C-alpha atoms as a PDB file:
ATOM      1  CA  MET A   1      46.740 197.855 152.085  1.00  0.00           C
ATOM      2  CA  ALA A   2      48.226 195.071 153.730  1.00  0.00           C
ATOM      3  CA  LYS A   3      47.068 192.671 151.256  1.00  0.00           C
ATOM      4  CA  ALA A   4      48.210 195.038 148.490  1.00  0.00           C
ATOM      5  CA  ARG A   5      51.601 195.141 149.942  1.00  0.00           C
ATOM      6  CA  SER A   6      51.789 191.298 150.383  1.00  0.00           C
ATOM      7  CA  ARG A   7      50.943 190.907 146.516  1.00  0.00           C
ATOM      8  CA  SER A   8      53.572 193.107 145.595  1.00  0.00           C
ATOM      9  CA  ALA A   9      56.184 191.327 147.923  1.00  0.00           C
ATOM     10  CA  ALA A  10      55.194 187.788 146.439  1.00  0.00           C
ATOM     11  CA  ARG A  11      55.909 189.028 142.884  1.00  0.00           C
ATOM     12  CA  LYS A  12      59.281 190.237 143.752  1.00  0.00           C
ATOM     13  CA  VAL A  13      60.382 186.843 145.355  1.00  0.00           C
ATOM     14  CA  LYS A  14      61.854 184.641 142.795  1.00  0.00           C
ATOM     15  CA  ASP A  15      62.415 180.738 142.744  1.00  0.00           C
ATOM     16  CA  LYS A  16      65.597 180.024 144.241  1.00  0.00           C
ATOM     17  CA  TRP A  17      66.024 176.401 142.586  1.00  0.00           C
ATOM     18  CA  LYS A  18      66.008 178.088 139.193  1.00  0.00           C
ATOM     19  CA  SER A  19      69.036 180.389 139.744  1.00  0.00           C
ATOM     20  CA  LYS A  20      71.146 177.093 140.940  1.00  0.00           C
ATOM     21  CA  THR A  21      73.189 174.906 138.876  1.00  0.00           C
ATOM     22  CA  TRP A  22      74.729 171.383 139.221  1.00  0.00           C
ATOM     23  CA  TYR A  23      78.204 170.588 139.879  1.00  0.00           C
ATOM     24  CA  ASN A  24      80.234 167.352 139.525  1.00  0.00           C
ATOM     25  CA  ILE A  25      82.380 166.546 142.633  1.00  0.00           C
ATOM     26  CA  LEU A  26      85.540 164.651 141.532  1.00  0.00           C
ATOM     27  CA  ALA A  27      87.978 162.728 143.516  1.00  0.00           C
ATOM     28  CA  PRO A  28      91.570 163.510 143.748  1.00  0.00           C
ATOM     29  CA  PRO A  29      94.460 162.407 141.279  1.00  0.00           C
ATOM     30  CA  SER A  30      95.369 159.409 143.659  1.00  0.00           C
ATOM     31  CA  PHE A  31      91.626 158.127 143.040  1.00  0.00           C
ATOM     32  CA  ASP A  32      91.899 158.520 139.109  1.00  0.00           C
ATOM     33  CA  ASN A  33      89.693 161.792 139.436  1.00  0.00           C
ATOM     34  CA  VAL A  34      86.395 159.692 139.533  1.00  0.00           C
ATOM     35  CA  THR A  35      82.987 161.321 139.906  1.00  0.00           C
ATOM     36  CA  ILE A  36      81.834 160.840 143.616  1.00  0.00           C
ATOM     37  CA  ALA A  37      78.545 162.942 143.426  1.00  0.00           C
ATOM     38  CA  ASP A  38      76.718 165.895 142.173  1.00  0.00           C
ATOM     39  CA  THR A  39      75.567 168.870 143.980  1.00  0.00           C
ATOM     40  CA  LEU A  40      73.465 172.116 143.652  1.00  0.00           C
ATOM     41  CA  SER A  41      74.822 175.680 144.348  1.00  0.00           C
ATOM     42  CA  SER A  42      73.824 179.202 143.216  1.00  0.00           C
ATOM     43  CA  ASN A  43      77.626 180.408 143.847  1.00  0.00           C
ATOM     44  CA  PRO A  44      80.297 178.284 143.300  1.00  0.00           C
ATOM     45  CA  GLU A  45      82.417 180.006 146.438  1.00  0.00           C
ATOM     46  CA  SER A  46      79.767 178.395 148.580  1.00  0.00           C
ATOM     47  CA  LEU A  47      80.960 175.042 147.710  1.00  0.00           C
ATOM     48  CA  ILE A  48      84.375 175.133 149.051  1.00  0.00           C
ATOM     49  CA  ASN A  49      85.028 173.254 152.185  1.00  0.00           C
ATOM     50  CA  ARG A  50      82.064 171.186 151.509  1.00  0.00           C
ATOM     51  CA  VAL A  51      82.791 167.723 152.603  1.00  0.00           C
ATOM     52  CA  THR A  52      81.280 164.431 150.917  1.00  0.00           C
ATOM     53  CA  GLU A  53      81.271 160.849 152.329  1.00  0.00           C
ATOM     54  CA  VAL A  54      81.620 157.934 149.988  1.00  0.00           C
ATOM     55  CA  SER A  55      82.146 154.164 150.228  1.00  0.00           C
ATOM     56  CA  PHE A  56      85.093 152.583 148.769  1.00  0.00           C
ATOM     57  CA  GLN A  57      82.816 150.159 147.082  1.00  0.00           C
ATOM     58  CA  ASP A  58      81.365 152.944 144.776  1.00  0.00           C
ATOM     59  CA  LEU A  59      84.862 153.800 143.660  1.00  0.00           C
ATOM     60  CA  THR A  60      86.098 150.246 142.754  1.00  0.00           C
ATOM     61  CA  ASN A  61      82.946 148.195 142.345  1.00  0.00           C
ATOM     62  CA  ASP A  62      84.283 145.727 145.231  1.00  0.00           C
ATOM     63  CA  PHE A  63      81.754 144.523 147.429  1.00  0.00           C
ATOM     64  CA  ARG A  64      84.289 143.463 149.804  1.00  0.00           C
ATOM     65  CA  LYS A  65      85.461 147.033 150.348  1.00  0.00           C
ATOM     66  CA  SER A  66      81.984 148.416 151.443  1.00  0.00           C
ATOM     67  CA  HIS A  67      82.969 149.147 155.110  1.00  0.00           C
ATOM     68  CA  ILE A  68      85.386 151.551 154.331  1.00  0.00           C
ATOM     69  CA  LYS A  69      83.855 155.287 154.113  1.00  0.00           C
ATOM     70  CA  LEU A  70      86.250 157.772 152.390  1.00  0.00           C
ATOM     71  CA  PHE A  71      85.785 161.852 153.143  1.00  0.00           C
ATOM     72  CA  PHE A  72      86.766 164.275 150.509  1.00  0.00           C
ATOM     73  CA  LYS A  73      86.664 167.921 150.833  1.00  0.00           C
ATOM     74  CA  ILE A  74      86.078 170.464 148.171  1.00  0.00           C
ATOM     75  CA  ASN A  75      89.021 173.026 147.357  1.00  0.00           C
ATOM     76  CA  LYS A  76      88.821 174.056 144.108  1.00  0.00           C
ATOM     77  CA  VAL A  77      85.860 174.809 141.540  1.00  0.00           C
ATOM     78  CA  GLU A  78      86.603 174.750 137.445  1.00  0.00           C
ATOM     79  CA  ASP A  79      83.734 175.446 135.202  1.00  0.00           C
ATOM     80  CA  ASN A  80      81.380 172.797 136.510  1.00  0.00           C
ATOM     81  CA  ASN A  81      83.805 170.582 138.116  1.00  0.00           C
ATOM     82  CA  ALA A  82      84.615 170.515 141.902  1.00  0.00           C
ATOM     83  CA  ARG A  83      88.123 169.307 142.675  1.00  0.00           C
ATOM     84  CA  THR A  84      88.503 167.583 146.326  1.00  0.00           C
ATOM     85  CA  GLN A  85      91.294 166.575 148.627  1.00  0.00           C
ATOM     86  CA  PHE A  86      91.362 163.273 150.699  1.00  0.00           C
ATOM     87  CA  ILE A  87      90.719 164.145 154.452  1.00  0.00           C
ATOM     88  CA  GLY A  88      90.258 160.649 155.929  1.00  0.00           C
ATOM     89  CA  HIS A  89      88.592 157.271 156.253  1.00  0.00           C
ATOM     90  CA  THR A  90      86.821 155.252 158.830  1.00  0.00           C
ATOM     91  CA  LEU A  91      85.244 151.790 159.158  1.00  0.00           C
ATOM     92  CA  THR A  92      81.735 151.297 159.666  1.00  0.00           C
ATOM     93  CA  SER A  93      80.759 150.131 163.441  1.00  0.00           C
ATOM     94  CA  ASP A  94      79.181 147.019 162.331  1.00  0.00           C
ATOM     95  CA  TYR A  95      82.312 145.921 161.019  1.00  0.00           C
ATOM     96  CA  LEU A  96      83.934 146.638 164.207  1.00  0.00           C
ATOM     97  CA  ARG A  97      81.460 145.131 166.474  1.00  0.00           C
ATOM     98  CA  ARG A  98      82.146 141.560 164.547  1.00  0.00           C
ATOM     99  CA  MET A  99      85.831 141.710 165.814  1.00  0.00           C
ATOM    100  CA  ILE A 100      85.420 142.601 169.297  1.00  0.00           C
ATOM    101  CA  ARG A 101      84.163 140.245 171.686  1.00  0.00           C
ATOM    102  CA  ARG A 102      83.757 139.620 175.447  1.00  0.00           C
ATOM    103  CA  LYS A 103      86.836 137.991 177.377  1.00  0.00           C
ATOM    104  CA  ARG A 104      89.146 139.741 174.949  1.00  0.00           C
ATOM    105  CA  SER A 105      91.248 142.320 174.924  1.00  0.00           C
ATOM    106  CA  LYS A 106      91.346 145.314 172.611  1.00  0.00           C
ATOM    107  CA  ILE A 107      94.539 147.605 172.334  1.00  0.00           C
ATOM    108  CA  ASP A 108      93.980 151.043 170.987  1.00  0.00           C
ATOM    109  CA  GLY A 109      96.782 153.525 169.615  1.00  0.00           C
ATOM    110  CA  VAL A 110      96.608 157.161 168.342  1.00  0.00           C
ATOM    111  CA  TYR A 111      99.872 158.372 166.384  1.00  0.00           C
ATOM    112  CA  ASP A 112     100.723 161.346 164.418  1.00  0.00           C
ATOM    113  CA  VAL A 113     103.105 160.453 161.416  1.00  0.00           C
ATOM    114  CA  THR A 114     104.778 162.526 158.832  1.00  0.00           C
ATOM    115  CA  THR A 115     105.031 161.448 155.181  1.00  0.00           C
ATOM    116  CA  ARG A 116     107.805 161.469 152.815  1.00  0.00           C
ATOM    117  CA  ASP A 117     106.356 164.547 150.823  1.00  0.00           C
ATOM    118  CA  GLY A 118     105.431 166.410 154.145  1.00  0.00           C
ATOM    119  CA  ALA A 119     102.082 165.652 154.977  1.00  0.00           C
ATOM    120  CA  THR A 120     100.884 164.746 158.440  1.00  0.00           C
ATOM    121  CA  VAL A 121      98.673 162.077 158.975  1.00  0.00           C
ATOM    122  CA  ARG A 122      96.894 160.732 162.356  1.00  0.00           C
ATOM    123  CA  VAL A 123      96.511 157.175 162.186  1.00  0.00           C
ATOM    124  CA  LYS A 124      94.376 154.867 164.866  1.00  0.00           C
ATOM    125  CA  PRO A 125      94.939 151.369 164.610  1.00  0.00           C
ATOM    126  CA  PHE A 126      93.688 148.860 167.048  1.00  0.00           C
ATOM    127  CA  ALA A 127      94.368 145.213 167.720  1.00  0.00           C
ATOM    128  CA  THR A 128      92.473 142.048 169.442  1.00  0.00           C
ATOM    129  CA  THR A 129      93.300 138.891 171.183  1.00  0.00           C
ATOM    130  CA  ASP A 130      91.954 135.701 172.084  1.00  0.00           C
ATOM    131  CA  LYS A 131      91.904 136.464 175.733  1.00  0.00           C
ATOM    132  CA  ARG A 132      92.634 139.210 178.352  1.00  0.00           C
ATOM    133  CA  ILE A 133      96.072 140.263 178.507  1.00  0.00           C
ATOM    134  CA  GLN A 134      98.377 142.473 181.144  1.00  0.00           C
ATOM    135  CA  ASN A 135      98.822 146.316 180.968  1.00  0.00           C
ATOM    136  CA  SER A 136     102.544 145.437 180.252  1.00  0.00           C
ATOM    137  CA  GLN A 137     101.792 143.338 177.278  1.00  0.00           C
ATOM    138  CA  LYS A 138      99.654 146.046 175.771  1.00  0.00           C
ATOM    139  CA  ARG A 139     102.453 148.446 176.125  1.00  0.00           C
ATOM    140  CA  ILE A 140     104.764 146.367 174.277  1.00  0.00           C
ATOM    141  CA  VAL A 141     102.051 145.865 171.305  1.00  0.00           C
ATOM    142  CA  ARG A 142     101.462 149.517 171.151  1.00  0.00           C
ATOM    143  CA  ASP A 143     105.143 150.421 170.852  1.00  0.00           C
ATOM    144  CA  THR A 144     105.484 147.804 167.817  1.00  0.00           C
ATOM    145  CA  MET A 145     102.347 149.455 166.285  1.00  0.00           C
ATOM    146  CA  LYS A 146     103.832 153.058 166.510  1.00  0.00           C
ATOM    147  CA  LYS A 147     107.113 151.801 165.159  1.00  0.00           C
ATOM    148  CA  SER A 148     105.820 149.742 162.027  1.00  0.00           C
ATOM    149  CA  ILE A 149     103.633 152.996 161.100  1.00  0.00           C
ATOM    150  CA  SER A 150     106.242 155.601 161.515  1.00  0.00           C
ATOM    151  CA  ASP A 151     108.979 153.433 159.450  1.00  0.00           C
ATOM    152  CA  ASN A 152     106.385 153.054 156.864  1.00  0.00           C
ATOM    153  CA  ALA A 153     105.357 156.699 156.460  1.00  0.00           C
ATOM    154  CA  LYS A 154     109.218 157.727 156.265  1.00  0.00           C
ATOM    155  CA  THR A 155     109.511 155.926 152.953  1.00  0.00           C
ATOM    156  CA  SER A 156     106.236 156.636 151.155  1.00  0.00           C
ATOM    157  CA  THR A 157     104.025 159.546 149.922  1.00  0.00           C
ATOM    158  CA  MET A 158     100.774 160.436 151.366  1.00  0.00           C
ATOM    159  CA  SER A 159      99.129 158.601 148.625  1.00  0.00           C
ATOM    160  CA  GLU A 160     101.173 155.566 148.966  1.00  0.00           C
ATOM    161  CA  PHE A 161     100.512 155.518 152.654  1.00  0.00           C
ATOM    162  CA  ILE A 162      96.706 155.839 152.186  1.00  0.00           C
ATOM    163  CA  LYS A 163      96.823 153.113 149.819  1.00  0.00           C
ATOM    164  CA  GLU A 164      98.408 150.615 152.168  1.00  0.00           C
ATOM    165  CA  VAL A 165      96.222 151.551 154.889  1.00  0.00           C
ATOM    166  CA  ILE A 166      93.025 151.129 152.713  1.00  0.00           C
ATOM    167  CA  ASP A 167      94.152 147.636 151.294  1.00  0.00           C
ATOM    168  CA  GLY A 168      95.051 146.315 154.732  1.00  0.00           C
ATOM    169  CA  LYS A 169      98.750 145.667 153.784  1.00  0.00           C
ATOM    170  CA  MET A 170      99.803 148.071 156.808  1.00  0.00           C
ATOM    171  CA  GLY A 171      97.964 146.155 159.258  1.00  0.00           C
ATOM    172  CA  SER A 172      99.311 142.741 157.993  1.00  0.00           C
ATOM    173  CA  ASP A 173     102.778 144.311 158.593  1.00  0.00           C
ATOM    174  CA  ILE A 174     101.782 145.404 162.093  1.00  0.00           C
ATOM    175  CA  TYR A 175     100.273 141.939 162.845  1.00  0.00           C
ATOM    176  CA  LYS A 176     103.680 140.320 161.605  1.00  0.00           C
ATOM    177  CA  ASN A 177     105.744 142.412 163.935  1.00  0.00           C
ATOM    178  CA  CYS A 178     103.593 142.002 166.992  1.00  0.00           C
ATOM    179  CA  LYS A 179     103.107 138.207 166.529  1.00  0.00           C
ATOM    180  CA  LYS A 180     106.846 137.879 167.422  1.00  0.00           C
ATOM    181  CA  LEU A 181     106.219 139.374 170.916  1.00  0.00           C
ATOM    182  CA  TYR A 182     102.417 138.323 171.580  1.00  0.00           C
ATOM    183  CA  PRO A 183      99.969 136.245 169.638  1.00  0.00           C
ATOM    184  CA  VAL A 184      97.832 139.005 168.284  1.00  0.00           C
ATOM    185  CA  LYS A 185      94.541 137.665 166.532  1.00  0.00           C
ATOM    186  CA  ARG A 186      93.883 140.633 164.070  1.00  0.00           C
ATOM    187  CA  VAL A 187      94.838 144.261 163.673  1.00  0.00           C
ATOM    188  CA  GLU A 188      93.066 146.887 161.733  1.00  0.00           C
ATOM    189  CA  ILE A 189      93.487 150.812 160.972  1.00  0.00           C
ATOM    190  CA  PHE A 190      90.065 152.042 161.806  1.00  0.00           C
ATOM    191  CA  LYS A 191      90.494 155.719 161.396  1.00  0.00           C
ATOM    192  CA  THR A 192      92.860 158.222 159.647  1.00  0.00           C
ATOM    193  CA  GLN A 193      92.700 161.896 159.755  1.00  0.00           C
ATOM    194  CA  VAL A 194      94.973 164.290 157.339  1.00  0.00           C
ATOM    195  CA  LEU A 195      96.292 167.235 159.555  1.00  0.00           C
ATOM    196  CA  ALA A 196      98.115 168.940 157.067  1.00  0.00           C
ATOM    197  CA  ALA A 197      98.508 168.613 153.336  1.00  0.00           C
ATOM    198  CA  PRO A 198     101.725 167.630 151.391  1.00  0.00           C
ATOM    199  CA  SER A 199     104.088 170.462 151.242  1.00  0.00           C
ATOM    200  CA  ILE A 200     106.746 168.746 148.944  1.00  0.00           C
ATOM    201  CA  GLU A 201     106.244 168.152 145.256  1.00  0.00           C
ATOM    202  CA  ILE A 202     107.148 164.738 144.008  1.00  0.00           C
ATOM    203  CA  GLU A 203     106.926 163.425 140.270  1.00  0.00           C
ATOM    204  CA  GLU A 204     103.808 162.091 139.043  1.00  0.00           C
ATOM    205  CA  LYS A 205     105.803 158.982 138.259  1.00  0.00           C
ATOM    206  CA  GLU A 206     106.566 158.036 141.584  1.00  0.00           C
ATOM    207  CA  THR A 207     102.947 158.625 142.772  1.00  0.00           C
ATOM    208  CA  THR A 208     100.651 155.619 142.790  1.00  0.00           C
ATOM    209  CA  LYS A 209      96.749 155.670 141.695  1.00  0.00           C
ATOM    210  CA  ILE A 210      94.757 153.670 144.156  1.00  0.00           C
ATOM    211  CA  VAL A 211      91.823 153.019 141.710  1.00  0.00           C
ATOM    212  CA  GLU A 212      93.719 152.076 138.628  1.00  0.00           C
ATOM    213  CA  GLN A 213      95.950 149.232 140.512  1.00  0.00           C
ATOM    214  CA  GLU A 214      92.871 147.527 141.812  1.00  0.00           C
ATOM    215  CA  LYS A 215      91.253 147.513 138.633  1.00  0.00           C
ATOM    216  CA  GLU A 216      94.030 145.986 136.849  1.00  0.00           C
ATOM    217  CA  GLU A 217      94.175 143.186 139.147  1.00  0.00           C
ATOM    218  CA  ALA A 218      91.111 141.503 137.974  1.00  0.00           C
ATOM    219  CA  PRO A 219      91.735 141.638 134.104  1.00  0.00           C
ATOM    220  CA  LYS A 220      95.200 140.225 134.738  1.00  0.00           C
ATOM    221  CA  GLU A 221      93.840 137.183 135.921  1.00  0.00           C
ATOM    222  CA  GLU A 222      91.294 136.872 133.139  1.00  0.00           C
ATOM    223  CA  LYS A 223      94.482 137.268 130.773  1.00  0.00           C
ATOM    224  CA  THR A 224      96.208 134.385 132.247  1.00  0.00           C
ATOM    225  CA  VAL A 225      93.160 132.088 131.875  1.00  0.00           C
ATOM    226  CA  GLU A 226      92.877 133.113 128.043  1.00  0.00           C
ATOM    227  CA  THR A 227      96.299 132.856 127.154  1.00  0.00           C
ATOM    228  CA  LYS A 228      96.554 129.156 127.959  1.00  0.00           C
ATOM    229  CA  PRO A 229      94.290 127.815 125.315  1.00  0.00           C
ATOM    230  CA  LYS A 230      95.764 130.120 122.635  1.00  0.00           C
ATOM    231  CA  SER A 231      99.082 128.837 123.235  1.00  0.00           C
ATOM    232  CA  LYS A 232      97.987 125.434 122.773  1.00  0.00           C
ATOM    233  CA  GLU A 233      96.400 126.293 119.501  1.00  0.00           C
ATOM    234  CA  LYS A 234      99.602 127.998 118.290  1.00  0.00           C
ATOM    235  CA  VAL A 235     101.351 124.748 119.083  1.00  0.00           C
ATOM    236  CA  LYS A 236      98.777 122.502 117.226  1.00  0.00           C
ATOM    237  CA  LYS A 237      99.255 125.208 114.081  1.00  0.00           C
ATOM    238  CA  THR A 238     102.686 125.056 114.110  1.00  0.00           C
ATOM    239  CA  GLU A 239     102.555 120.878 114.109  1.00  0.00           C
ATOM    240  CA  ASP A 240     100.167 120.987 111.044  1.00  0.00           C
ATOM    241  CA  LYS A 241     102.334 123.324 109.203  1.00  0.00           C
ATOM    242  CA  LYS A 242     105.347 121.089 109.564  1.00  0.00           C
ATOM    243  CA  GLU A 243     103.538 117.698 108.844  1.00  0.00           C
ATOM    244  CA  PRO A 244     102.994 118.735 104.954  1.00  0.00           C
ATOM    245  CA  GLU A 245     106.630 119.803 104.635  1.00  0.00           C
ATOM    246  CA  GLU A 246     107.640 116.225 106.050  1.00  0.00           C
ATOM    247  CA  GLU A 247     105.493 114.241 103.560  1.00  0.00           C
ATOM    248  CA  PRO A 248     107.190 115.347 100.078  1.00  0.00           C
ATOM    249  CA  LYS A 249     110.343 114.154 101.547  1.00  0.00           C
ATOM    250  CA  GLU A 250     109.149 111.038 102.150  1.00  0.00           C
ATOM    251  CA  GLN A 251     107.596 110.606  98.928  1.00  0.00           C
ATOM    252  CA  ALA A 252     110.740 111.823  97.225  1.00  0.00           C
ATOM    253  CA  VAL A 253     112.319 109.081  99.051  1.00  0.00           C
ATOM    254  CA  GLU A 254     109.877 106.376  97.998  1.00  0.00           C
ATOM    255  CA  GLU A 255     110.516 107.570  94.238  1.00  0.00           C
ATOM    256  CA  LYS A 256     114.141 106.943  94.367  1.00  0.00           C
ATOM    257  CA  VAL A 257     114.053 103.740  95.747  1.00  0.00           C
ATOM    258  CA  GLU A 258     111.007 102.320  93.585  1.00  0.00           C
ATOM    259  CA  PRO A 259     113.251 102.439  90.350  1.00  0.00           C
ATOM    260  CA  GLU A 260     115.909 100.704  92.183  1.00  0.00           C
ATOM    261  CA  VAL A 261     113.673  97.950  93.325  1.00  0.00           C
ATOM    262  CA  GLU A 262     112.186  97.422  89.715  1.00  0.00           C
ATOM    263  CA  GLU A 263     115.758  97.092  88.146  1.00  0.00           C
ATOM    264  CA  LYS A 264     116.777  94.243  90.157  1.00  0.00           C
ATOM    265  CA  PRO A 265     114.103  91.785  89.409  1.00  0.00           C
ATOM    266  CA  LYS A 266     114.176  92.613  85.670  1.00  0.00           C
ATOM    267  CA  GLU A 267     117.488  90.752  85.149  1.00  0.00           C
ATOM    268  CA  PRO A 268     116.197  87.247  86.460  1.00  0.00           C
ATOM    269  CA  GLU A 269     112.773  87.722  84.936  1.00  0.00           C
ATOM    270  CA  GLU A 270     114.234  87.461  81.343  1.00  0.00           C
ATOM    271  CA  PRO A 271     115.734  84.015  81.175  1.00  0.00           C
ATOM    272  CA  LYS A 272     112.602  82.341  82.926  1.00  0.00           C
ATOM    273  CA  PRO A 273     110.170  82.671  80.520  1.00  0.00           C
ATOM    274  CA  VAL A 274     112.294  81.718  77.892  1.00  0.00           C
ATOM    275  CA  GLU A 275     113.045  78.183  79.884  1.00  0.00           C
ATOM    276  CA  LYS A 276     109.469  77.847  80.309  1.00  0.00           C
ATOM    277  CA  ASN A 277     108.729  78.312  76.798  1.00  0.00           C
ATOM    278  CA  GLU A 278     111.216  75.789  75.686  1.00  0.00           C
ATOM    279  CA  GLU A 279     109.871  73.308  78.114  1.00  0.00           C
ATOM    280  CA  ILE A 280     106.662  73.840  76.695  1.00  0.00           C
ATOM    281  CA  LYS A 281     107.978  73.091  73.130  1.00  0.00           C
ATOM    282  CA  THR A 282     109.699  69.880  74.343  1.00  0.00           C
ATOM    283  CA  ASP A 283     106.699  68.876  75.682  1.00  0.00           C
ATOM    284  CA  GLU A 284     104.939  68.633  72.498  1.00  0.00           C
ATOM    285  CA  GLU A 285     107.815  66.593  71.097  1.00  0.00           C
ATOM    286  CA  SER A 286     108.151  64.508  74.087  1.00  0.00           C
ATOM    287  CA  THR A 287     106.526  61.301  74.659  1.00  0.00           C
ATOM    288  CA  PRO A 288     103.940  60.586  77.552  1.00  0.00           C
ATOM    289  CA  THR A 289     106.486  58.935  79.601  1.00  0.00           C
ATOM    290  CA  GLU A 290     108.916  62.049  79.545  1.00  0.00           C
ATOM    291  CA  VAL A 291     105.825  64.361  80.257  1.00  0.00           C
ATOM    292  CA  SER A 292     104.749  62.308  83.475  1.00  0.00           C
ATOM    293  CA  GLU A 293     108.404  62.354  84.949  1.00  0.00           C
ATOM    294  CA  LYS A 294     108.417  66.194  84.442  1.00  0.00           C
ATOM    295  CA  LYS A 295     105.021  66.430  86.367  1.00  0.00           C
ATOM    296  CA  GLU A 296     106.466  64.639  89.299  1.00  0.00           C
ATOM    297  CA  LYS A 297     109.528  66.879  89.383  1.00  0.00           C
ATOM    298  CA  GLU A 298     107.444  70.283  89.443  1.00  0.00           C
ATOM    299  CA  PRO A 299     106.030  70.083  92.806  1.00  0.00           C
ATOM    300  CA  LYS A 300     109.353  69.300  94.268  1.00  0.00           C
ATOM    301  CA  THR A 301     110.535  72.626  92.963  1.00  0.00           C
ATOM    302  CA  GLU A 302     107.532  74.427  94.413  1.00  0.00           C
ATOM    303  CA  LYS A 303     108.192  72.969  97.964  1.00  0.00           C
END
């Protein structure tokens, strides 16, 4: 009896993989809705609140950004597409170890900031120095980091704020402000965390797309290289076009000058052959003594 029951139970069990379907995970609009990954699920509601980790290199194809890891959470499912929202980012551990050495100081900080569109973000920066410093000096550096981060967050939306963090622009701004007080070696924001989503809607024109702006920078440089030879070719073409226009003008001038030059020598040429002919006639009639005298006079005129 036990064997019969086990066989009937095995027949009723279905393959769970056949009931599942594939879903495409898409990045938020600030990252140009790029496909991050694919996932399986039997029920679309089970996908919500799933977190995916992606390196920034996979989105931009830039190997220099391979040390940045981004986190996205699924909040909506439409057909076979799963929409996500940005949660935060971190830097890889090997990248952080390269910047920290012995006999140096590391200055950490944790600051909660509200952006212009009402989102709250937790930022964790750190700074390194060439040698060990006192606690009072560390306190001054922390205050400058906090001030520069809060001032930047008040004048930018969440997408703009995250873009400056990932690109390293915010770290360079903090470095410039801290360098006035103490010579800091390097400043990095190694972690961010979104505590609350933006509550104020702002027009799409003001929002910035992170992936598009970085992809546009590379082709711009190629265009500048291509335009230089094109400009030279255009100049050569214009010069070639202008030269044939000038040639007929010179020919017309020459044509006008030629008849004027030909008319002037015609007047003196007419009497010359007459004189020669007369001399030739006289030579026949003249005596040999007269002919010899004329021959002596001819070379004088040639000189």
